[in-house]
Amino acid sequence: MNLTDSHLHFDTFAEAGEVDAILARAAERGVMRLVAIGGTDPANELAVRLAAEHTGRVFAVAGYDRDEAKRDPSVGRVDQLLSRPGVVGVGETGLDYHYSADTAPEQRRLFGRMLDLSAAHRLPAVIHSREADEDTLAMLSDHVERWEGDRDRIAVLHCFTGSLGFAEPLLELGLYISFSGIVAFKKSDDLREVAARV
């Protein structure tokens, strides 16, 4: 098989000096492409560096995640990275009101700036959303309206844990939805139903 791991945070593997071992183990199991996810300045730099060092094998996604919202980072640094070879998306970005509802306005502002970069570079956004369905859907609806890139590559909602009522409008917008191992948890019957419908 020729599989792709579409969402991998290399940070702890790089700190432990295990990147080559991870790539070798992945290849042994048929995972030939890996998408290194950013979200912070160090994670973005690492993802882009790994994409340059492992051309055609590792691809990068760069952006600012919701945990960076309070810091209000300048997007200029990410804007520059998005033009580098091997960069295939913007993110990880999005909204999380489960852990950080107190920063909701800042999260929305940062998410909007990341969606602006996604549209400007015509690169899909990799989105995290937790307990922020209404705001996420509203912002993505606006994003889809102004999107001029490939209609099959607008965005992916990763590690989806939402309801069918959230999934259906996302699918109508033409977005992808991915599920993690959470779908196999004992208490995830509702999520399995969503996955089956998707």
Protein backbone atom coordinates (compact mmCIF):
# COMPACT_ATOMS: atom_id res chain seq x y z
CA MET A 1 0.00 0.00 0.00
CA ASN A 2 0.96 3.62 -0.45
CA LEU A 3 -0.59 5.48 2.48
CA THR A 4 -0.44 9.10 3.63
CA ASP A 5 -0.40 10.20 7.27
CA SER A 6 -2.27 13.47 6.85
CA HIS A 7 -1.65 14.91 10.31
CA LEU A 8 1.58 14.38 12.20
CA HIS A 9 3.13 16.61 14.86
CA PHE A 10 6.88 15.94 14.61
CA ASP A 11 7.86 18.21 17.52
CA THR A 12 8.51 15.61 20.23
CA PHE A 13 10.08 13.20 17.72
CA ALA A 14 12.50 15.89 16.57
CA GLU A 15 13.41 16.79 20.17
CA ALA A 16 14.18 13.12 20.84
CA GLY A 17 16.18 12.75 17.61
CA GLU A 18 13.70 10.18 16.28
CA VAL A 19 12.60 11.70 12.95
CA ASP A 20 14.60 9.25 10.80
CA ALA A 21 13.34 6.31 12.85
CA ILE A 22 9.74 7.51 12.49
CA LEU A 23 10.14 7.84 8.73
CA ALA A 24 11.70 4.38 8.48
CA ARG A 25 8.94 2.75 10.56
CA ALA A 26 6.30 4.53 8.50
CA ALA A 27 7.83 3.27 5.23
CA GLU A 28 7.95 -0.29 6.58
CA ARG A 29 4.19 -0.06 7.10
CA GLY A 30 3.42 1.49 3.70
CA VAL A 31 3.07 5.09 4.88
CA MET A 32 5.02 6.85 2.17
CA ARG A 33 3.88 10.45 2.62
CA LEU A 34 3.58 12.34 5.89
CA VAL A 35 2.14 15.79 6.46
CA ALA A 36 4.03 17.66 9.18
CA ILE A 37 1.68 20.01 11.01
CA GLY A 38 2.63 23.43 12.33
CA GLY A 39 0.68 25.65 14.68
CA THR A 40 3.43 27.60 16.45
CA ASP A 41 6.57 29.31 15.17
CA PRO A 42 8.87 26.40 16.15
CA ALA A 43 6.44 23.78 14.78
CA ASN A 44 6.05 25.73 11.52
CA GLU A 45 9.82 26.05 11.06
CA LEU A 46 10.28 22.35 11.81
CA ALA A 47 7.56 21.27 9.38
CA VAL A 48 8.99 23.39 6.56
CA ARG A 49 12.54 22.21 7.29
CA LEU A 50 11.49 18.55 7.26
CA ALA A 51 9.65 19.06 3.96
CA ALA A 52 12.85 20.50 2.47
CA GLU A 53 15.00 17.67 3.86
CA HIS A 54 12.62 14.88 2.80
CA THR A 55 11.27 16.15 -0.53
CA GLY A 56 8.30 14.18 -1.81
CA ARG A 57 8.06 12.26 1.43
CA VAL A 58 7.26 14.93 4.04
CA PHE A 59 4.99 17.87 3.30
CA ALA A 60 4.39 20.87 5.54
CA VAL A 61 1.41 22.76 6.90
CA ALA A 62 2.17 26.12 8.55
CA GLY A 63 -0.06 28.44 10.53
CA TYR A 64 -1.10 29.47 14.01
CA ASP A 65 -3.28 27.32 16.22
CA ARG A 66 -5.91 28.58 18.66
CA ASP A 67 -3.45 28.32 21.57
CA GLU A 68 -1.46 31.16 19.97
CA ALA A 69 -4.46 33.51 19.94
CA LYS A 70 -3.69 35.33 23.17
CA ARG A 71 -0.17 36.05 21.91
CA ASP A 72 -1.64 37.68 18.76
CA PRO A 73 1.27 36.68 16.50
CA SER A 74 2.17 38.51 13.32
CA VAL A 75 1.09 36.48 10.31
CA GLY A 76 3.95 37.77 8.17
CA ARG A 77 6.21 34.91 9.20
CA VAL A 78 3.62 32.31 8.20
CA ASP A 79 2.83 34.19 5.00
CA GLN A 80 6.47 33.79 3.92
CA LEU A 81 6.59 30.09 4.82
CA LEU A 82 3.50 29.31 2.73
CA SER A 83 5.44 30.01 -0.46
CA ARG A 84 8.20 27.53 0.37
CA PRO A 85 8.51 24.21 -1.50
CA GLY A 86 6.64 21.32 0.06
CA VAL A 87 4.13 23.49 1.94
CA VAL A 88 0.67 22.14 1.18
CA GLY A 89 -1.66 23.83 3.68
CA VAL A 90 -2.38 26.41 6.37
CA GLY A 91 -2.69 25.38 10.00
CA GLU A 92 -3.31 23.78 12.18
CA THR A 93 -5.78 26.52 13.06
CA GLY A 94 -9.33 26.85 14.32
CA LEU A 95 -11.42 27.35 17.42
CA ASP A 96 -11.54 25.47 20.72
CA TYR A 97 -14.06 26.71 23.28
CA HIS A 98 -13.77 23.54 25.39
CA TYR A 99 -10.40 24.45 26.86
CA SER A 100 -10.10 28.13 25.98
CA ALA A 101 -13.54 29.77 25.87
CA ASP A 102 -12.06 32.82 27.62
CA THR A 103 -10.03 33.61 24.49
CA ALA A 104 -12.88 33.12 21.99
CA PRO A 105 -12.66 36.64 20.48
CA GLU A 106 -8.89 36.34 20.05
CA GLN A 107 -9.27 32.84 18.58
CA ARG A 108 -11.80 34.08 16.03
CA ARG A 109 -9.51 36.95 15.03
CA LEU A 110 -6.52 34.63 14.56
CA PHE A 111 -8.59 31.99 12.76
CA GLY A 112 -9.85 34.67 10.39
CA ARG A 113 -6.29 35.75 9.61
CA MET A 114 -5.30 32.14 8.90
CA LEU A 115 -8.30 31.74 6.58
CA ASP A 116 -7.21 34.94 4.82
CA LEU A 117 -3.80 33.35 4.20
CA SER A 118 -5.44 30.13 3.05
CA ALA A 119 -7.48 32.05 0.48
CA ALA A 120 -4.56 34.25 -0.63
CA HIS A 121 -2.23 31.28 -1.19
CA ARG A 122 -5.00 28.97 -2.38
CA LEU A 123 -3.85 26.38 0.12
CA PRO A 124 -6.33 24.27 2.10
CA ALA A 125 -6.77 24.97 5.80
CA VAL A 126 -6.30 22.24 8.41
CA ILE A 127 -8.88 23.04 11.07
CA HIS A 128 -9.43 22.05 14.67
CA SER A 129 -12.88 22.80 16.09
CA ARG A 130 -14.18 21.81 19.48
CA GLU A 131 -17.39 23.12 21.03
CA ALA A 132 -17.29 26.04 18.60
CA ASP A 133 -19.58 24.69 15.88
CA GLU A 134 -21.60 27.83 15.20
CA ASP A 135 -18.62 30.19 14.92
CA THR A 136 -16.55 27.66 12.96
CA LEU A 137 -19.35 27.10 10.47
CA ALA A 138 -20.01 30.83 10.03
CA MET A 139 -16.35 31.59 9.40
CA LEU A 140 -15.92 28.66 7.03
CA SER A 141 -19.04 29.63 5.09
CA ASP A 142 -17.50 33.05 4.48
CA HIS A 143 -14.19 31.41 3.56
CA VAL A 144 -15.84 29.12 1.01
CA GLU A 145 -17.67 32.06 -0.61
CA ARG A 146 -14.43 33.88 -1.37
CA TRP A 147 -12.34 30.79 -2.17
CA GLU A 148 -10.86 30.93 -5.68
CA GLY A 149 -8.66 27.86 -5.47
CA ASP A 150 -9.37 24.23 -6.28
CA ARG A 151 -12.91 23.51 -5.01
CA ASP A 152 -11.77 20.05 -3.89
CA ARG A 153 -9.05 21.48 -1.64
CA ILE A 154 -10.67 24.13 0.57
CA ALA A 155 -10.22 22.67 4.05
CA VAL A 156 -10.29 19.62 6.28
CA LEU A 157 -11.81 19.45 9.75
CA HIS A 158 -9.35 17.14 11.46
CA CYS A 159 -9.98 14.94 14.50
CA PHE A 160 -13.70 15.55 14.14
CA THR A 161 -15.72 14.95 17.30
CA GLY A 162 -18.83 16.97 16.44
CA SER A 163 -22.41 16.06 15.70
CA LEU A 164 -24.11 15.12 12.47
CA GLY A 165 -25.78 18.54 12.62
CA PHE A 166 -22.31 20.11 12.37
CA ALA A 167 -20.91 17.61 9.84
CA GLU A 168 -23.66 17.92 7.23
CA PRO A 169 -23.28 21.67 6.55
CA LEU A 170 -19.50 21.22 6.40
CA LEU A 171 -19.91 18.55 3.74
CA GLU A 172 -22.36 20.77 1.85
CA LEU A 173 -19.64 23.44 1.79
CA GLY A 174 -17.32 20.90 0.13
CA LEU A 175 -15.00 20.40 3.09
CA TYR A 176 -13.33 17.18 4.17
CA ILE A 177 -13.80 15.63 7.59
CA SER A 178 -11.28 13.33 9.23
CA PHE A 179 -11.67 11.10 12.26
CA SER A 180 -9.05 9.99 14.75
CA GLY A 181 -8.88 6.97 17.03
CA ILE A 182 -11.55 8.64 19.17
CA VAL A 183 -14.10 7.09 16.79
CA ALA A 184 -13.17 3.69 18.29
CA PHE A 185 -13.72 4.70 21.93
CA LYS A 186 -16.40 2.77 23.77
CA LYS A 187 -18.54 5.88 24.34
CA SER A 188 -18.30 7.12 20.73
CA ASP A 189 -21.49 5.61 19.29
CA ASP A 190 -22.75 9.00 18.10
CA LEU A 191 -19.41 9.78 16.47
CA ARG A 192 -19.41 6.41 14.70
CA GLU A 193 -22.83 7.27 13.27
CA VAL A 194 -21.41 10.57 11.96
CA ALA A 195 -18.42 8.74 10.44
CA ALA A 196 -20.74 6.26 8.73
CA ARG A 197 -22.78 9.12 7.22
CA VAL A 198 -19.62 10.97 6.10
